[in-house]
Amino acid sequence: MIDIENQVISLVTDCLFANNISATVESVLNLNPSTFPTVCVEEIENSSYSSSVDSNSNENHASIGYEINVFTNDVSGKKQNAKDILAVIDNMLLARGFYRVSKTQLSLDNGTKYRLIARYRATVGKDEIIYRR
């Protein structure tokens, strides 16, 4: 199985650091984070790309999917803060060959917390190169 989850988490962490965004990055979804902002990066799909499986049944590429959750709780501007954080991550992932499948916004706990959810897909080779299509 082709697995690049740790690399993707590192890319997100490094991207936030490079953009002076102080956020906790987690790899397991926690709907009640204790610190804010929190970014959760989870692999939600990893399946063999059947068109590139060879005659020995070796996996040469995988279709992968990631979900990015951004949680904020600023007294004012929590929605914009979440959008700004996600925009930085989005630009980085798109530049590396991912494409965004969806983006959803939620207000939580009577408006005291804000959550943005974005899903991304890509095809990755066993050499860990990400292909756009």
N, C-alpha and C. Protein backbone atom coordinates (compact mmCIF):
# COMPACT_ATOMS: atom_id res chain seq x y z
N MET A 1 0.85 -1.18 0.00
CA MET A 1 0.00 0.00 0.00
C MET A 1 0.89 1.24 0.00
N ILE A 2 0.53 2.18 -0.83
CA ILE A 2 1.24 3.45 -0.91
C ILE A 2 0.67 4.36 0.17
N ASP A 3 1.54 4.84 1.06
CA ASP A 3 1.08 5.63 2.21
C ASP A 3 1.94 6.87 2.36
N ILE A 4 1.35 8.04 2.11
CA ILE A 4 2.10 9.30 2.25
C ILE A 4 1.48 10.21 3.32
N GLU A 5 0.67 9.64 4.20
CA GLU A 5 -0.02 10.47 5.20
C GLU A 5 0.94 11.30 6.03
N ASN A 6 2.03 10.70 6.51
CA ASN A 6 2.98 11.45 7.34
C ASN A 6 3.60 12.61 6.57
N GLN A 7 3.88 12.39 5.28
CA GLN A 7 4.44 13.46 4.46
C GLN A 7 3.45 14.61 4.30
N VAL A 8 2.17 14.28 4.11
CA VAL A 8 1.15 15.32 3.94
C VAL A 8 1.00 16.12 5.24
N ILE A 9 0.99 15.44 6.38
CA ILE A 9 0.90 16.12 7.67
C ILE A 9 2.10 17.05 7.85
N SER A 10 3.29 16.57 7.49
CA SER A 10 4.49 17.41 7.59
C SER A 10 4.41 18.62 6.66
N LEU A 11 3.90 18.41 5.45
CA LEU A 11 3.74 19.53 4.52
C LEU A 11 2.82 20.60 5.09
N VAL A 12 1.71 20.19 5.69
CA VAL A 12 0.77 21.14 6.28
C VAL A 12 1.42 21.87 7.45
N THR A 13 2.09 21.12 8.32
CA THR A 13 2.76 21.73 9.48
C THR A 13 3.80 22.74 9.03
N ASP A 14 4.65 22.36 8.08
CA ASP A 14 5.69 23.25 7.58
C ASP A 14 5.11 24.48 6.89
N CYS A 15 4.01 24.29 6.16
CA CYS A 15 3.36 25.38 5.46
C CYS A 15 2.83 26.42 6.45
N LEU A 16 2.18 25.94 7.51
CA LEU A 16 1.66 26.86 8.52
C LEU A 16 2.80 27.62 9.20
N PHE A 17 3.86 26.91 9.54
CA PHE A 17 5.02 27.54 10.18
C PHE A 17 5.63 28.60 9.27
N ALA A 18 5.80 28.26 7.99
CA ALA A 18 6.40 29.19 7.02
C ALA A 18 5.56 30.45 6.83
N ASN A 19 4.26 30.34 7.10
CA ASN A 19 3.36 31.49 6.95
C ASN A 19 3.03 32.14 8.29
N ASN A 20 3.83 31.85 9.30
CA ASN A 20 3.68 32.43 10.64
C ASN A 20 2.29 32.21 11.23
N ILE A 21 1.74 31.02 10.99
CA ILE A 21 0.45 30.67 11.56
C ILE A 21 0.69 29.70 12.69
N SER A 22 0.34 30.12 13.88
CA SER A 22 0.52 29.29 15.06
C SER A 22 -0.76 28.47 15.27
N ALA A 23 -0.69 27.19 14.91
CA ALA A 23 -1.85 26.31 15.04
C ALA A 23 -1.37 24.93 15.46
N THR A 24 -2.20 24.25 16.23
CA THR A 24 -1.93 22.86 16.56
C THR A 24 -2.33 22.01 15.37
N VAL A 25 -1.46 21.08 14.98
CA VAL A 25 -1.77 20.17 13.87
C VAL A 25 -1.90 18.77 14.44
N GLU A 26 -3.02 18.14 14.14
CA GLU A 26 -3.30 16.80 14.63
C GLU A 26 -3.58 15.88 13.44
N SER A 27 -3.43 14.57 13.67
CA SER A 27 -3.68 13.60 12.60
C SER A 27 -4.91 12.75 12.87
N VAL A 28 -5.56 12.98 14.00
CA VAL A 28 -6.80 12.28 14.34
C VAL A 28 -7.85 13.33 14.66
N LEU A 29 -9.01 13.21 14.06
CA LEU A 29 -10.06 14.20 14.25
C LEU A 29 -10.54 14.23 15.69
N ASN A 30 -10.51 15.41 16.27
CA ASN A 30 -11.03 15.66 17.61
C ASN A 30 -12.03 16.80 17.48
N LEU A 31 -13.30 16.49 17.67
CA LEU A 31 -14.34 17.51 17.47
C LEU A 31 -14.37 18.56 18.57
N ASN A 32 -13.63 18.34 19.64
CA ASN A 32 -13.54 19.30 20.74
C ASN A 32 -12.09 19.58 21.08
N PRO A 33 -11.36 20.25 20.18
CA PRO A 33 -9.95 20.51 20.48
C PRO A 33 -9.80 21.41 21.70
N SER A 34 -8.68 21.23 22.40
CA SER A 34 -8.45 22.01 23.61
C SER A 34 -7.69 23.31 23.32
N THR A 35 -7.05 23.40 22.15
CA THR A 35 -6.35 24.62 21.77
C THR A 35 -6.87 25.09 20.41
N PHE A 36 -6.76 26.38 20.18
CA PHE A 36 -7.24 26.98 18.93
C PHE A 36 -6.19 27.94 18.40
N PRO A 37 -6.05 28.06 17.13
CA PRO A 37 -6.68 27.22 16.12
C PRO A 37 -6.06 25.83 16.11
N THR A 38 -6.86 24.85 15.65
CA THR A 38 -6.40 23.48 15.47
C THR A 38 -6.69 23.06 14.04
N VAL A 39 -5.74 22.38 13.44
CA VAL A 39 -5.89 21.85 12.09
C VAL A 39 -5.73 20.34 12.18
N CYS A 40 -6.70 19.61 11.67
CA CYS A 40 -6.62 18.16 11.64
C CYS A 40 -6.46 17.71 10.19
N VAL A 41 -5.46 16.86 9.96
CA VAL A 41 -5.17 16.33 8.63
C VAL A 41 -5.36 14.82 8.70
N GLU A 42 -6.34 14.30 7.98
CA GLU A 42 -6.62 12.87 8.02
C GLU A 42 -6.73 12.29 6.62
N GLU A 43 -6.10 11.13 6.43
CA GLU A 43 -6.30 10.40 5.19
C GLU A 43 -7.65 9.70 5.30
N ILE A 44 -8.55 9.98 4.37
CA ILE A 44 -9.89 9.39 4.44
C ILE A 44 -10.11 8.35 3.36
N GLU A 45 -9.17 8.25 2.42
CA GLU A 45 -9.30 7.23 1.38
C GLU A 45 -7.91 6.88 0.86
N ASN A 46 -7.71 5.61 0.59
CA ASN A 46 -6.49 5.13 -0.04
C ASN A 46 -6.85 3.84 -0.74
N SER A 47 -6.96 3.89 -2.07
CA SER A 47 -7.32 2.70 -2.83
C SER A 47 -6.40 2.55 -4.03
N SER A 48 -6.21 1.31 -4.45
CA SER A 48 -5.37 1.04 -5.62
C SER A 48 -5.97 1.71 -6.84
N TYR A 49 -5.13 2.33 -7.63
CA TYR A 49 -5.56 2.90 -8.90
C TYR A 49 -5.51 1.74 -9.90
N SER A 50 -6.67 1.17 -10.17
CA SER A 50 -6.74 -0.10 -10.90
C SER A 50 -6.12 -0.04 -12.29
N SER A 51 -6.13 1.10 -12.93
CA SER A 51 -5.58 1.21 -14.28
C SER A 51 -4.07 0.99 -14.33
N SER A 52 -3.40 1.10 -13.19
CA SER A 52 -1.94 0.95 -13.21
C SER A 52 -1.45 -0.28 -12.44
N VAL A 53 -2.37 -1.16 -12.03
CA VAL A 53 -1.95 -2.41 -11.40
C VAL A 53 -1.38 -3.31 -12.50
N ASP A 54 -0.17 -3.85 -12.26
CA ASP A 54 0.46 -4.66 -13.30
C ASP A 54 -0.01 -6.11 -13.26
N SER A 55 0.51 -6.93 -14.17
CA SER A 55 0.06 -8.32 -14.30
C SER A 55 0.40 -9.18 -13.09
N ASN A 56 1.30 -8.71 -12.22
CA ASN A 56 1.62 -9.42 -10.98
C ASN A 56 0.81 -8.88 -9.81
N SER A 57 -0.19 -8.06 -10.10
CA SER A 57 -1.06 -7.43 -9.09
C SER A 57 -0.32 -6.46 -8.18
N ASN A 58 0.76 -5.87 -8.68
CA ASN A 58 1.50 -4.86 -7.91
C ASN A 58 0.83 -3.50 -8.07
N GLU A 59 0.68 -2.83 -6.96
CA GLU A 59 0.10 -1.48 -6.97
C GLU A 59 1.18 -0.49 -7.39
N ASN A 60 0.93 0.26 -8.44
CA ASN A 60 1.88 1.27 -8.90
C ASN A 60 1.43 2.68 -8.57
N HIS A 61 0.13 2.86 -8.37
CA HIS A 61 -0.45 4.16 -8.02
C HIS A 61 -1.62 3.93 -7.07
N ALA A 62 -1.93 4.94 -6.29
CA ALA A 62 -3.08 4.89 -5.39
C ALA A 62 -3.88 6.17 -5.53
N SER A 63 -5.19 6.04 -5.42
CA SER A 63 -6.08 7.20 -5.33
C SER A 63 -6.21 7.53 -3.85
N ILE A 64 -5.84 8.74 -3.49
CA ILE A 64 -5.85 9.11 -2.08
C ILE A 64 -6.78 10.29 -1.84
N GLY A 65 -7.30 10.35 -0.64
CA GLY A 65 -8.16 11.46 -0.25
C GLY A 65 -7.80 11.92 1.15
N TYR A 66 -7.79 13.22 1.34
CA TYR A 66 -7.48 13.82 2.64
C TYR A 66 -8.58 14.79 3.04
N GLU A 67 -8.85 14.82 4.33
CA GLU A 67 -9.79 15.80 4.88
C GLU A 67 -9.01 16.71 5.81
N ILE A 68 -9.19 18.00 5.60
CA ILE A 68 -8.56 19.03 6.44
C ILE A 68 -9.68 19.71 7.23
N ASN A 69 -9.57 19.69 8.56
CA ASN A 69 -10.52 20.37 9.43
C ASN A 69 -9.78 21.51 10.12
N VAL A 70 -10.34 22.71 10.06
CA VAL A 70 -9.77 23.87 10.74
C VAL A 70 -10.78 24.34 11.78
N PHE A 71 -10.35 24.39 13.03
CA PHE A 71 -11.19 24.85 14.14
C PHE A 71 -10.64 26.15 14.70
N THR A 72 -11.52 27.14 14.87
CA THR A 72 -11.14 28.41 15.48
C THR A 72 -12.20 28.81 16.50
N ASN A 73 -11.81 29.69 17.42
CA ASN A 73 -12.77 30.16 18.42
C ASN A 73 -12.56 31.62 18.80
N ASP A 74 -12.02 32.42 17.90
CA ASP A 74 -11.83 33.84 18.19
C ASP A 74 -13.16 34.48 18.56
N VAL A 75 -13.11 35.45 19.45
CA VAL A 75 -14.34 36.15 19.85
C VAL A 75 -14.96 36.83 18.63
N SER A 76 -14.13 37.46 17.85
CA SER A 76 -14.63 38.04 16.59
C SER A 76 -13.66 37.62 15.49
N GLY A 77 -14.18 37.35 14.33
CA GLY A 77 -13.35 36.99 13.20
C GLY A 77 -12.99 35.52 13.11
N LYS A 78 -13.69 34.65 13.83
CA LYS A 78 -13.34 33.22 13.81
C LYS A 78 -13.53 32.62 12.42
N LYS A 79 -14.57 33.06 11.71
CA LYS A 79 -14.82 32.54 10.36
C LYS A 79 -13.70 32.96 9.42
N GLN A 80 -13.33 34.23 9.45
CA GLN A 80 -12.27 34.72 8.56
C GLN A 80 -10.93 34.09 8.91
N ASN A 81 -10.66 33.90 10.20
CA ASN A 81 -9.42 33.26 10.62
C ASN A 81 -9.32 31.84 10.06
N ALA A 82 -10.41 31.08 10.15
CA ALA A 82 -10.44 29.72 9.61
C ALA A 82 -10.23 29.74 8.10
N LYS A 83 -10.87 30.69 7.42
CA LYS A 83 -10.71 30.81 5.98
C LYS A 83 -9.27 31.14 5.59
N ASP A 84 -8.65 32.03 6.35
CA ASP A 84 -7.26 32.42 6.07
C ASP A 84 -6.32 31.23 6.24
N ILE A 85 -6.52 30.46 7.29
CA ILE A 85 -5.68 29.28 7.54
C ILE A 85 -5.88 28.26 6.43
N LEU A 86 -7.13 28.00 6.08
CA LEU A 86 -7.40 27.02 5.03
C LEU A 86 -6.86 27.49 3.68
N ALA A 87 -6.90 28.77 3.40
CA ALA A 87 -6.40 29.29 2.13
C ALA A 87 -4.92 28.99 1.95
N VAL A 88 -4.15 29.11 3.02
CA VAL A 88 -2.71 28.81 2.97
C VAL A 88 -2.49 27.33 2.68
N ILE A 89 -3.24 26.48 3.37
CA ILE A 89 -3.12 25.03 3.17
C ILE A 89 -3.59 24.66 1.76
N ASP A 90 -4.70 25.23 1.33
CA ASP A 90 -5.27 24.97 0.02
C ASP A 90 -4.27 25.30 -1.09
N ASN A 91 -3.65 26.46 -1.02
CA ASN A 91 -2.67 26.87 -2.04
C ASN A 91 -1.51 25.88 -2.11
N MET A 92 -1.04 25.44 -0.96
CA MET A 92 0.08 24.50 -0.91
C MET A 92 -0.31 23.16 -1.51
N LEU A 93 -1.48 22.62 -1.13
CA LEU A 93 -1.90 21.32 -1.64
C LEU A 93 -2.17 21.37 -3.15
N LEU A 94 -2.82 22.41 -3.62
CA LEU A 94 -3.08 22.55 -5.05
C LEU A 94 -1.77 22.63 -5.83
N ALA A 95 -0.79 23.34 -5.30
CA ALA A 95 0.51 23.47 -5.97
C ALA A 95 1.24 22.13 -6.05
N ARG A 96 0.91 21.21 -5.17
CA ARG A 96 1.57 19.90 -5.15
C ARG A 96 0.81 18.82 -5.92
N GLY A 97 -0.29 19.19 -6.56
CA GLY A 97 -0.99 18.26 -7.42
C GLY A 97 -2.31 17.73 -6.89
N PHE A 98 -2.70 18.14 -5.68
CA PHE A 98 -4.01 17.76 -5.17
C PHE A 98 -5.07 18.64 -5.84
N TYR A 99 -6.31 18.19 -5.80
CA TYR A 99 -7.40 19.07 -6.17
C TYR A 99 -8.47 19.01 -5.09
N ARG A 100 -9.11 20.16 -4.88
CA ARG A 100 -10.13 20.26 -3.82
C ARG A 100 -11.43 19.69 -4.33
N VAL A 101 -12.02 18.80 -3.55
CA VAL A 101 -13.29 18.18 -3.90
C VAL A 101 -14.44 18.97 -3.29
N SER A 102 -14.24 19.45 -2.05
CA SER A 102 -15.32 20.18 -1.39
C SER A 102 -14.78 21.05 -0.27
N LYS A 103 -15.61 22.00 0.13
CA LYS A 103 -15.33 22.86 1.30
C LYS A 103 -16.67 23.13 1.97
N THR A 104 -16.73 22.85 3.27
CA THR A 104 -17.96 23.01 4.04
C THR A 104 -17.67 23.86 5.27
N GLN A 105 -18.61 24.71 5.65
CA GLN A 105 -18.45 25.57 6.82
C GLN A 105 -19.50 25.22 7.86
N LEU A 106 -19.08 25.20 9.12
CA LEU A 106 -20.00 24.90 10.23
C LEU A 106 -19.73 25.84 11.39
N SER A 107 -20.79 26.28 12.03
CA SER A 107 -20.69 27.02 13.28
C SER A 107 -21.05 26.03 14.39
N LEU A 108 -20.23 25.97 15.43
CA LEU A 108 -20.42 24.98 16.50
C LEU A 108 -20.64 25.64 17.85
N ASP A 109 -21.21 24.89 18.76
CA ASP A 109 -21.40 25.32 20.15
C ASP A 109 -22.01 26.71 20.25
N ASN A 110 -23.17 26.86 19.63
CA ASN A 110 -23.90 28.14 19.64
C ASN A 110 -23.06 29.31 19.13
N GLY A 111 -22.22 29.02 18.15
CA GLY A 111 -21.44 30.08 17.53
C GLY A 111 -20.13 30.41 18.22
N THR A 112 -19.75 29.67 19.26
CA THR A 112 -18.48 29.97 19.95
C THR A 112 -17.27 29.37 19.24
N LYS A 113 -17.50 28.36 18.40
CA LYS A 113 -16.42 27.74 17.63
C LYS A 113 -16.82 27.72 16.16
N TYR A 114 -15.81 27.68 15.31
CA TYR A 114 -16.05 27.64 13.88
C TYR A 114 -15.21 26.52 13.29
N ARG A 115 -15.78 25.81 12.32
CA ARG A 115 -15.09 24.68 11.71
C ARG A 115 -15.23 24.75 10.19
N LEU A 116 -14.11 24.65 9.50
CA LEU A 116 -14.08 24.53 8.04
C LEU A 116 -13.58 23.13 7.72
N ILE A 117 -14.24 22.49 6.78
CA ILE A 117 -13.86 21.15 6.36
C ILE A 117 -13.59 21.19 4.86
N ALA A 118 -12.41 20.74 4.45
CA ALA A 118 -12.09 20.68 3.03
C ALA A 118 -11.57 19.29 2.70
N ARG A 119 -11.97 18.78 1.56
CA ARG A 119 -11.51 17.47 1.12
C ARG A 119 -10.72 17.61 -0.18
N TYR A 120 -9.65 16.82 -0.24
CA TYR A 120 -8.73 16.86 -1.38
C TYR A 120 -8.49 15.45 -1.89
N ARG A 121 -8.21 15.35 -3.20
CA ARG A 121 -7.90 14.06 -3.81
C ARG A 121 -6.67 14.22 -4.69
N ALA A 122 -6.01 13.09 -4.91
CA ALA A 122 -4.86 13.04 -5.82
C ALA A 122 -4.58 11.59 -6.15
N THR A 123 -3.73 11.40 -7.12
CA THR A 123 -3.20 10.09 -7.44
C THR A 123 -1.72 10.15 -7.14
N VAL A 124 -1.23 9.16 -6.39
CA VAL A 124 0.18 9.14 -6.01
C VAL A 124 0.81 7.83 -6.48
N GLY A 125 2.05 7.94 -6.98
CA GLY A 125 2.76 6.76 -7.44
C GLY A 125 3.54 6.12 -6.31
N LYS A 126 4.02 4.90 -6.55
CA LYS A 126 4.81 4.22 -5.53
C LYS A 126 6.12 4.96 -5.27
N ASP A 127 6.51 5.84 -6.19
CA ASP A 127 7.68 6.70 -5.99
C ASP A 127 7.33 7.96 -5.20
N GLU A 128 6.08 8.04 -4.72
CA GLU A 128 5.53 9.13 -3.91
C GLU A 128 5.39 10.44 -4.67
N ILE A 129 5.38 10.37 -5.98
CA ILE A 129 5.10 11.54 -6.81
C ILE A 129 3.59 11.67 -6.94
N ILE A 130 3.08 12.88 -6.74
CA ILE A 130 1.64 13.15 -6.81
C ILE A 130 1.32 13.63 -8.23
N TYR A 131 0.33 12.98 -8.84
CA TYR A 131 -0.09 13.30 -10.19
C TYR A 131 -1.43 13.99 -10.17
N ARG A 132 -1.60 14.98 -11.00
CA ARG A 132 -2.84 15.74 -11.04
C ARG A 132 -3.99 14.89 -11.53
N ARG A 133 -3.78 14.08 -12.50
CA ARG A 133 -4.81 13.18 -13.05
C ARG A 133 -4.19 11.86 -13.37
